[in-house]
């Protein structure tokens, strides 16, 4: 059996709602949603970086700055664990998908998360990409 690429998965699952970082499937009858990250995107995290500052009269100096960098899969999951603890959420990791490498810039792993949601009265569950 041939391995399925990310592109083939996305094309075959037209019922999923895709944004820039993940796809979402709403399972209204169970009041649950399934969220799959789009590889290699796992959001951004703040990080302190050191930058070289040129000095025309001597040795270069450095400065520190807080910037946002791409998160790793582990950092992404740690944020979800923290959200469960702080907000009493019920997010569960249900799968880790390893897409075949070398087939596109979208190769790598993806996480599949399952979580509950509550709709406000009168609110719909439409998603937009």
Protein backbone atom coordinates (compact mmCIF):
# COMPACT_ATOMS: atom_id res chain seq x y z
CA UNK A 1 0.00 0.00 0.00
CA UNK A 2 1.44 3.35 -1.03
CA UNK A 3 1.83 6.07 1.58
CA UNK A 4 -0.66 8.92 1.27
CA UNK A 5 0.78 12.40 0.86
CA UNK A 6 -0.52 15.50 2.63
CA UNK A 7 -1.76 16.85 -0.69
CA UNK A 8 -3.71 13.63 -1.42
CA UNK A 9 -5.21 13.62 2.09
CA UNK A 10 -6.34 17.23 1.77
CA UNK A 11 -7.82 16.68 -1.70
CA UNK A 12 -9.72 13.58 -0.53
CA UNK A 13 -11.16 15.29 2.57
CA UNK A 14 -13.11 18.20 1.15
CA UNK A 15 -15.44 18.20 4.18
CA UNK A 16 -12.62 19.54 6.38
CA UNK A 17 -12.37 23.29 6.90
CA UNK A 18 -8.78 24.48 6.31
CA UNK A 19 -7.07 27.58 7.67
CA UNK A 20 -3.39 28.47 7.38
CA UNK A 21 -2.23 26.21 10.24
CA UNK A 22 -4.82 23.45 10.59
CA UNK A 23 -7.85 21.67 9.24
CA UNK A 24 -10.99 21.26 11.36
CA UNK A 25 -13.83 18.76 11.17
CA UNK A 26 -16.93 19.62 13.18
CA UNK A 27 -18.79 16.60 14.56
CA UNK A 28 -21.98 18.41 15.63
CA UNK A 29 -23.86 15.35 16.92
CA UNK A 30 -21.04 14.68 19.42
CA UNK A 31 -20.31 18.37 20.15
CA UNK A 32 -16.68 17.60 19.29
CA UNK A 33 -14.17 18.90 16.78
CA UNK A 34 -11.16 17.20 15.25
CA UNK A 35 -8.22 19.47 14.48
CA UNK A 36 -5.25 18.36 12.36
CA UNK A 37 -2.22 20.59 12.04
CA UNK A 38 -0.90 21.38 8.57
CA UNK A 39 2.74 20.28 8.52
CA UNK A 40 5.14 21.75 9.39
CA UNK A 41 3.11 24.41 11.24
CA UNK A 42 2.65 24.30 15.01
CA UNK A 43 2.04 27.96 15.75
CA UNK A 44 4.46 30.52 17.13
CA UNK A 45 6.09 30.94 20.52
CA UNK A 46 7.95 33.87 22.06
CA UNK A 47 11.70 33.40 22.42
CA UNK A 48 14.57 35.62 23.56
CA UNK A 49 17.06 35.94 20.69
CA UNK A 50 20.50 37.55 20.69
CA UNK A 51 21.38 39.78 17.73
CA UNK A 52 24.77 41.16 16.75
CA UNK A 53 24.91 44.96 16.74
CA UNK A 54 27.58 46.38 14.40
CA UNK A 55 30.08 48.81 15.90
CA UNK A 56 32.16 50.78 13.39
CA UNK A 57 34.69 51.77 16.06
CA UNK A 58 35.36 48.44 17.68
CA UNK A 59 34.08 44.98 18.38
CA UNK A 60 30.42 44.33 17.58
CA UNK A 61 28.03 44.21 20.50
CA UNK A 62 24.88 42.22 21.04
CA UNK A 63 21.31 42.97 22.00
CA UNK A 64 18.53 40.70 23.15
CA UNK A 65 15.01 40.84 21.77
CA UNK A 66 11.82 38.88 22.30
CA UNK A 67 10.59 37.57 18.95
CA UNK A 68 8.09 34.98 17.78
CA UNK A 69 9.55 31.83 16.24
CA UNK A 70 7.97 28.66 14.86
CA UNK A 71 7.03 26.20 17.59
CA UNK A 72 8.04 22.55 17.58
CA UNK A 73 5.40 19.79 17.79
CA UNK A 74 6.31 19.27 21.46
CA UNK A 75 5.91 23.00 22.26
CA UNK A 76 2.53 22.94 20.50
CA UNK A 77 1.35 20.02 22.62
CA UNK A 78 2.68 21.63 25.81
CA UNK A 79 0.48 24.67 25.08
CA UNK A 80 -2.57 22.41 24.76
CA UNK A 81 -1.72 20.69 28.06
CA UNK A 82 -1.50 24.12 29.71
CA UNK A 83 -4.86 25.15 28.19
CA UNK A 84 -6.43 21.98 29.62
CA UNK A 85 -5.08 22.82 33.06
CA UNK A 86 -5.82 26.56 33.07
CA UNK A 87 -9.21 26.56 31.33
CA UNK A 88 -10.47 23.09 32.28
CA UNK A 89 -10.54 22.07 28.63
CA UNK A 90 -10.85 18.47 27.44
CA UNK A 91 -8.41 18.43 24.50
CA UNK A 92 -6.91 15.01 23.76
CA UNK A 93 -4.14 14.00 21.40
CA UNK A 94 -5.66 11.24 19.28
CA UNK A 95 -2.95 10.65 16.69
CA UNK A 96 0.38 11.74 15.29
CA UNK A 97 0.62 11.42 11.52
CA UNK A 98 4.01 11.08 9.84
CA UNK A 99 3.65 12.14 6.22
CA UNK A 100 6.14 10.71 3.68
CA UNK A 101 9.19 12.95 3.41
CA UNK A 102 10.60 14.44 0.26
CA UNK A 103 7.26 14.83 -1.51
CA UNK A 104 6.67 18.54 -0.93
CA UNK A 105 7.42 21.41 1.40
CA UNK A 106 4.43 20.18 3.43
CA UNK A 107 6.14 16.98 4.61
CA UNK A 108 6.73 16.07 8.21
CA UNK A 109 4.45 15.22 11.08
CA UNK A 110 1.00 16.47 11.99
CA UNK A 111 -0.95 16.20 15.21
CA UNK A 112 -4.61 15.26 15.42
CA UNK A 113 -6.46 16.75 18.40
CA UNK A 114 -9.99 15.97 19.59
CA UNK A 115 -11.80 18.50 21.74
CA UNK A 116 -15.26 19.42 22.97
CA UNK A 117 -16.97 22.67 22.19
CA UNK A 118 -20.09 24.44 23.36
CA UNK A 119 -22.16 26.56 21.01
CA UNK A 120 -23.79 29.69 22.35
CA UNK A 121 -27.50 29.78 21.82
CA UNK A 122 -28.19 31.03 18.31
CA UNK A 123 -24.57 30.59 17.19
CA UNK A 124 -23.68 28.44 14.22
CA UNK A 125 -20.57 26.31 13.81
CA UNK A 126 -19.54 27.48 10.36
CA UNK A 127 -15.82 27.63 9.73
CA UNK A 128 -13.90 29.74 7.28
CA UNK A 129 -10.39 29.22 6.00
